[in-house]
Amino acid sequence: MQITAELDPQHIEKLQKLEKILKKNTSELISSAIDEMFTKNSGLMSSVEVEIAIPNDQTKAVMLEVRARKNLENLTLEQLQREVEAQ
């Protein structure tokens, strides 16, 4: 794959220093950065997967109530955080 990138002068300078210090070319440095980010965020990568399910009858009924603005409660962000933490 061929990549074209625009870098500001500070990043160009950092890239040139890395190439010199690590004796690697730009492609090798990009590959190393991708590997490092993938490793550090492996939990994030796996948490991105989402199971999609068709809502059951109870969920459908609640969704219809929300759309009709029925049985809604007003909560502050703090109240919502406390409620979530209590679960």
Protein backbone atom coordinates (compact mmCIF):
# COMPACT_ATOMS: atom_id res chain seq x y z
CA MET A 1 0.00 0.00 0.00
CA GLN A 2 1.26 3.45 -0.80
CA ILE A 3 0.46 6.28 1.62
CA THR A 4 0.76 10.01 1.03
CA ALA A 5 0.95 12.17 4.14
CA GLU A 6 1.30 15.83 4.97
CA LEU A 7 3.42 16.67 8.01
CA ASP A 8 4.06 19.95 9.70
CA PRO A 9 7.71 21.03 10.11
CA GLN A 10 7.93 19.79 13.72
CA HIS A 11 6.80 16.29 12.77
CA ILE A 12 9.12 16.21 9.77
CA GLU A 13 12.02 17.06 12.07
CA LYS A 14 10.95 14.36 14.56
CA LEU A 15 10.58 11.82 11.74
CA GLN A 16 14.05 12.61 10.40
CA LYS A 17 15.54 12.24 13.90
CA LEU A 18 13.77 8.90 14.40
CA GLU A 19 14.98 7.64 11.01
CA LYS A 20 18.55 8.56 11.92
CA ILE A 21 18.49 7.27 15.52
CA LEU A 22 16.60 4.04 14.84
CA LYS A 23 18.14 3.48 11.39
CA LYS A 24 14.69 2.84 9.92
CA ASN A 25 12.93 4.36 6.94
CA THR A 26 9.54 6.08 7.05
CA SER A 27 7.64 2.92 6.08
CA GLU A 28 9.27 0.94 8.88
CA LEU A 29 8.49 3.69 11.41
CA ILE A 30 4.84 3.85 10.33
CA SER A 31 4.57 0.06 10.63
CA SER A 32 6.11 0.18 14.11
CA ALA A 33 3.70 2.93 15.18
CA ILE A 34 0.71 0.95 13.88
CA ASP A 35 1.89 -2.20 15.69
CA GLU A 36 2.34 -0.27 18.93
CA MET A 37 -1.07 1.40 18.73
CA PHE A 38 -2.74 -1.90 17.89
CA THR A 39 -1.06 -3.62 20.85
CA LYS A 40 -1.85 -0.81 23.29
CA ASN A 41 -5.48 -0.65 22.16
CA SER A 42 -6.18 -4.35 21.73
CA GLY A 43 -8.90 -4.09 24.40
CA LEU A 44 -10.44 -1.24 22.48
CA MET A 45 -10.31 -3.19 19.24
CA SER A 46 -12.17 -6.12 20.76
CA SER A 47 -14.73 -3.89 22.46
CA VAL A 48 -15.69 -2.33 19.14
CA GLU A 49 -17.46 -5.53 18.15
CA VAL A 50 -21.18 -5.18 18.77
CA GLU A 51 -23.78 -7.87 18.71
CA ILE A 52 -26.85 -6.70 16.88
CA ALA A 53 -30.16 -8.14 18.03
CA ILE A 54 -33.77 -7.52 17.11
CA PRO A 55 -35.52 -5.83 20.03
CA ASN A 56 -37.95 -7.99 21.99
CA ASP A 57 -41.55 -6.92 22.62
CA GLN A 58 -40.75 -5.16 25.91
CA THR A 59 -37.94 -3.14 24.32
CA LYS A 60 -40.17 -2.24 21.36
CA ALA A 61 -42.88 -1.01 23.75
CA VAL A 62 -40.39 1.18 25.64
CA MET A 63 -39.02 2.59 22.39
CA LEU A 64 -42.54 3.54 21.31
CA GLU A 65 -43.14 5.24 24.68
CA VAL A 66 -39.93 7.25 24.34
CA ARG A 67 -40.82 8.33 20.82
CA ALA A 68 -44.25 9.38 22.10
CA ARG A 69 -42.52 11.16 25.03
CA LYS A 70 -44.49 9.09 27.58
CA ASN A 71 -43.24 7.97 31.01
CA LEU A 72 -40.03 10.01 30.78
CA GLU A 73 -38.03 11.17 33.79
CA ASN A 74 -35.90 14.30 34.01
CA LEU A 75 -32.46 13.52 35.41
CA THR A 76 -29.37 15.61 35.85
CA LEU A 77 -26.06 14.18 34.68
CA GLU A 78 -25.04 13.68 38.31
CA GLN A 79 -28.24 11.73 39.05
CA LEU A 80 -27.70 9.56 36.02
CA GLN A 81 -24.07 8.88 37.01
CA ARG A 82 -25.15 7.89 40.55
CA GLU A 83 -27.82 5.59 39.11
CA VAL A 84 -25.35 3.91 36.77
CA GLU A 85 -22.76 3.53 39.55
CA ALA A 86 -25.36 1.95 41.85
CA GLN A 87 -26.01 -0.84 39.34
